[in-house]
């Protein structure tokens, strides 16, 4: 069963024309990452991937990271993009087998939603997991939800393939050592709350979703 809760919705304003001129504050402009984020195309980090793939133009020139938009037309895959004024937020009960990606992969979450609006997931759930995930066209909300310093919680119920021991609960509760690819080093995650539910199932509440 697919459960979708609509919190607010309005049609995304994307116009496939090369004649639209977009006006911003002339003195400063707006970063191309934020521009795409405000248009509901992707989060700012996701926008970096799109820009690096040479899919974005400012005027007639390919956009580069760090570019700013003033009065130029911005296009994505040759379609004009402009910021939206109203935001869309949805809660999806993601089933097992759906991939939390905006890329054109089999069983990706955007195609599964099958909406006219351009939306993307906030965070991710693994393909083999199910549960609530927020879908939106609001790129600015991603950092506010996912960054560690804001202290938002994610709760998971996990079933493992062997009996759970007290040592396992203690080990998980104190944080685990994982590899930080950006820093090319290992580091320990923050402590978390782990509660045993049954012989092979536990609940874990995280406030740290990545290492930086």
Protein backbone atom coordinates (compact mmCIF):
# COMPACT_ATOMS: atom_id res chain seq x y z
CA UNK A 1 0.00 0.00 0.00
CA UNK A 2 1.28 3.46 -0.87
CA UNK A 3 0.47 6.10 1.76
CA UNK A 4 1.05 9.69 0.72
CA UNK A 5 0.16 12.60 3.01
CA UNK A 6 -0.12 15.93 1.18
CA UNK A 7 0.84 18.80 3.46
CA UNK A 8 0.70 21.59 0.87
CA UNK A 9 0.72 21.51 -2.87
CA UNK A 10 0.75 23.82 -5.85
CA UNK A 11 1.92 23.32 -9.41
CA UNK A 12 5.66 23.74 -9.93
CA UNK A 13 6.44 26.63 -12.19
CA UNK A 14 8.77 25.33 -14.91
CA UNK A 15 8.34 26.76 -18.37
CA UNK A 16 9.84 25.09 -21.45
CA UNK A 17 10.67 28.27 -23.32
CA UNK A 18 13.89 30.06 -24.08
CA UNK A 19 12.34 33.49 -23.81
CA UNK A 20 11.80 33.82 -20.05
CA UNK A 21 14.04 36.35 -18.31
CA UNK A 22 14.59 35.90 -14.59
CA UNK A 23 15.30 38.93 -12.44
CA UNK A 24 17.30 38.86 -9.23
CA UNK A 25 18.99 41.43 -7.09
CA UNK A 26 21.49 42.95 -9.52
CA UNK A 27 24.19 43.73 -7.00
CA UNK A 28 24.68 40.19 -5.66
CA UNK A 29 22.78 37.72 -7.77
CA UNK A 30 22.12 34.23 -6.43
CA UNK A 31 24.34 31.16 -6.47
CA UNK A 32 23.43 28.64 -9.14
CA UNK A 33 23.11 25.93 -6.46
CA UNK A 34 20.57 27.96 -4.52
CA UNK A 35 18.80 28.91 -7.74
CA UNK A 36 18.22 25.26 -8.63
CA UNK A 37 17.28 24.51 -5.03
CA UNK A 38 14.71 27.32 -5.00
CA UNK A 39 13.30 25.92 -8.23
CA UNK A 40 12.64 22.59 -6.55
CA UNK A 41 15.07 20.77 -8.83
CA UNK A 42 17.29 19.32 -6.11
CA UNK A 43 18.93 20.07 -2.81
CA UNK A 44 22.00 22.30 -3.02
CA UNK A 45 24.25 19.26 -2.80
CA UNK A 46 22.16 17.50 -5.43
CA UNK A 47 22.44 20.59 -7.62
CA UNK A 48 26.23 20.19 -7.60
CA UNK A 49 25.87 16.80 -9.26
CA UNK A 50 23.57 18.21 -11.92
CA UNK A 51 25.92 21.13 -12.62
CA UNK A 52 28.98 18.86 -12.86
CA UNK A 53 27.09 16.74 -15.38
CA UNK A 54 26.93 19.81 -17.69
CA UNK A 55 23.12 19.80 -17.71
CA UNK A 56 22.72 23.41 -16.59
CA UNK A 57 23.25 26.62 -18.55
CA UNK A 58 23.22 30.25 -17.47
CA UNK A 59 22.34 32.09 -20.62
CA UNK A 60 24.22 30.27 -23.38
CA UNK A 61 27.12 29.14 -21.18
CA UNK A 62 27.44 25.92 -19.23
CA UNK A 63 27.10 26.61 -15.51
CA UNK A 64 30.03 25.93 -13.19
CA UNK A 65 30.09 25.53 -9.43
CA UNK A 66 30.33 28.98 -7.87
CA UNK A 67 28.54 30.77 -10.72
CA UNK A 68 25.90 33.34 -9.81
CA UNK A 69 22.66 34.20 -11.57
CA UNK A 70 21.68 37.81 -12.17
CA UNK A 71 19.22 38.54 -14.99
CA UNK A 72 20.08 35.52 -17.12
CA UNK A 73 17.88 32.67 -18.20
CA UNK A 74 18.72 29.36 -16.51
CA UNK A 75 18.02 26.09 -18.28
CA UNK A 76 18.20 22.46 -17.23
CA UNK A 77 18.37 20.02 -20.12
CA UNK A 78 17.35 22.94 -22.37
CA UNK A 79 14.17 23.68 -20.38
CA UNK A 80 13.89 27.03 -18.62
CA UNK A 81 13.76 26.83 -14.84
CA UNK A 82 12.60 29.48 -12.40
CA UNK A 83 12.14 29.52 -8.61
CA UNK A 84 8.82 28.48 -7.18
CA UNK A 85 6.90 30.58 -4.70
CA UNK A 86 4.99 27.78 -2.99
CA UNK A 87 6.50 24.63 -1.57
CA UNK A 88 5.33 21.05 -1.68
CA UNK A 89 5.86 18.63 1.23
CA UNK A 90 4.76 15.00 1.20
CA UNK A 91 5.23 12.06 3.54
CA UNK A 92 5.59 8.78 1.70
CA UNK A 93 5.38 5.34 3.27
CA UNK A 94 8.16 3.92 1.09
CA UNK A 95 7.81 0.22 0.37
CA UNK A 96 10.66 -2.26 0.06
CA UNK A 97 12.18 -2.26 -3.44
CA UNK A 98 11.98 1.47 -4.17
CA UNK A 99 15.28 3.36 -4.62
CA UNK A 100 15.64 6.80 -2.98
CA UNK A 101 17.20 8.50 -5.99
CA UNK A 102 16.27 11.20 -8.48
CA UNK A 103 18.40 9.54 -11.15
CA UNK A 104 16.72 7.52 -13.87
CA UNK A 105 17.29 4.19 -12.16
CA UNK A 106 14.85 1.28 -12.16
CA UNK A 107 12.24 1.63 -9.38
CA UNK A 108 13.40 5.15 -8.42
CA UNK A 109 11.24 7.00 -5.93
CA UNK A 110 10.39 9.94 -8.21
CA UNK A 111 8.89 7.72 -10.89
CA UNK A 112 7.08 5.76 -8.18
CA UNK A 113 5.39 8.97 -6.96
CA UNK A 114 4.36 9.76 -10.55
CA UNK A 115 3.64 13.46 -9.95
CA UNK A 116 3.72 16.35 -12.41
CA UNK A 117 5.79 18.38 -9.93
CA UNK A 118 9.55 17.97 -9.65
CA UNK A 119 10.26 16.59 -6.18
CA UNK A 120 13.09 14.75 -4.44
CA UNK A 121 13.57 12.80 -1.20
CA UNK A 122 15.01 14.35 1.96
CA UNK A 123 17.61 11.81 3.00
CA UNK A 124 17.22 8.21 1.97
CA UNK A 125 16.01 4.80 2.99
CA UNK A 126 17.81 1.76 1.60
CA UNK A 127 16.12 -0.20 -1.16
CA UNK A 128 15.57 -3.15 1.17
CA UNK A 129 13.92 -1.00 3.87
CA UNK A 130 10.50 0.60 4.24
CA UNK A 131 9.15 3.55 6.21
CA UNK A 132 8.27 7.24 6.14
CA UNK A 133 10.35 9.59 4.02
CA UNK A 134 9.78 13.27 3.26
CA UNK A 135 9.46 14.30 -0.39
CA UNK A 136 9.63 17.98 -1.33
CA UNK A 137 10.51 20.62 -3.90
CA UNK A 138 12.06 22.79 -1.16
CA UNK A 139 15.82 22.50 -1.46
CA UNK A 140 16.50 24.73 1.55
CA UNK A 141 14.78 22.39 3.97
CA UNK A 142 17.25 19.57 3.36
CA UNK A 143 20.10 21.06 5.41
CA UNK A 144 17.69 22.11 8.16
CA UNK A 145 16.56 18.52 8.56
CA UNK A 146 19.70 16.49 7.88
CA UNK A 147 22.58 18.49 9.36
CA UNK A 148 23.76 17.00 12.65
CA UNK A 149 23.74 20.26 14.61
CA UNK A 150 19.96 20.55 14.36
CA UNK A 151 19.55 17.32 16.34
CA UNK A 152 16.60 15.82 14.47
CA UNK A 153 16.02 12.13 15.13
CA UNK A 154 15.60 9.16 12.81
CA UNK A 155 14.13 6.00 14.24
CA UNK A 156 14.69 2.56 12.72
CA UNK A 157 13.45 -0.92 13.60
CA UNK A 158 16.04 -3.47 12.49
CA UNK A 159 15.84 -7.26 12.27
CA UNK A 160 19.17 -9.11 12.21
CA UNK A 161 20.12 -12.69 11.39
CA UNK A 162 21.32 -13.75 14.84
CA UNK A 163 20.25 -13.32 18.49
CA UNK A 164 20.89 -9.89 19.98
CA UNK A 165 23.17 -9.71 23.03
CA UNK A 166 23.72 -7.09 25.71
CA UNK A 167 27.25 -6.54 24.38
CA UNK A 168 25.78 -5.74 20.96
CA UNK A 169 23.32 -3.23 22.45
CA UNK A 170 26.11 -1.55 24.44
CA UNK A 171 28.42 -1.44 21.41
CA UNK A 172 25.79 0.12 19.15
CA UNK A 173 24.68 2.60 21.82
CA UNK A 174 28.18 4.04 22.16
CA UNK A 175 28.51 4.82 18.44
CA UNK A 176 30.36 2.84 15.81
CA UNK A 177 33.54 3.45 13.84
CA UNK A 178 32.91 4.17 10.16
CA UNK A 179 34.99 5.41 7.26
CA UNK A 180 34.84 9.12 6.38
CA UNK A 181 35.47 9.22 2.65
CA UNK A 182 35.89 13.01 2.53
CA UNK A 183 38.59 13.02 5.21
CA UNK A 184 40.05 9.63 4.23
CA UNK A 185 39.98 8.48 7.84
CA UNK A 186 37.92 6.47 10.30
CA UNK A 187 35.90 8.16 13.02
CA UNK A 188 33.35 7.25 15.64
CA UNK A 189 29.72 8.28 15.32
CA UNK A 190 27.74 9.96 18.09
CA UNK A 191 26.12 7.80 20.81
CA UNK A 192 22.53 6.75 20.11
CA UNK A 193 19.58 5.08 21.82
CA UNK A 194 19.26 1.34 21.15
CA UNK A 195 16.45 -0.78 22.60
CA UNK A 196 15.95 -4.51 22.15
CA UNK A 197 12.44 -5.43 20.95
CA UNK A 198 12.75 -9.19 20.51
CA UNK A 199 15.41 -11.87 20.20
CA UNK A 200 16.49 -10.65 16.76
CA UNK A 201 14.96 -7.14 16.48
CA UNK A 202 16.03 -3.80 17.95
CA UNK A 203 15.08 -0.13 17.69
CA UNK A 204 17.74 2.52 17.13
CA UNK A 205 17.27 6.30 17.32
CA UNK A 206 19.93 8.35 15.52
CA UNK A 207 20.70 12.05 15.52
CA UNK A 208 23.80 11.73 13.32
CA UNK A 209 23.14 10.57 9.76
CA UNK A 210 26.59 11.10 8.19
CA UNK A 211 30.19 11.95 9.02
CA UNK A 212 31.78 15.22 7.88
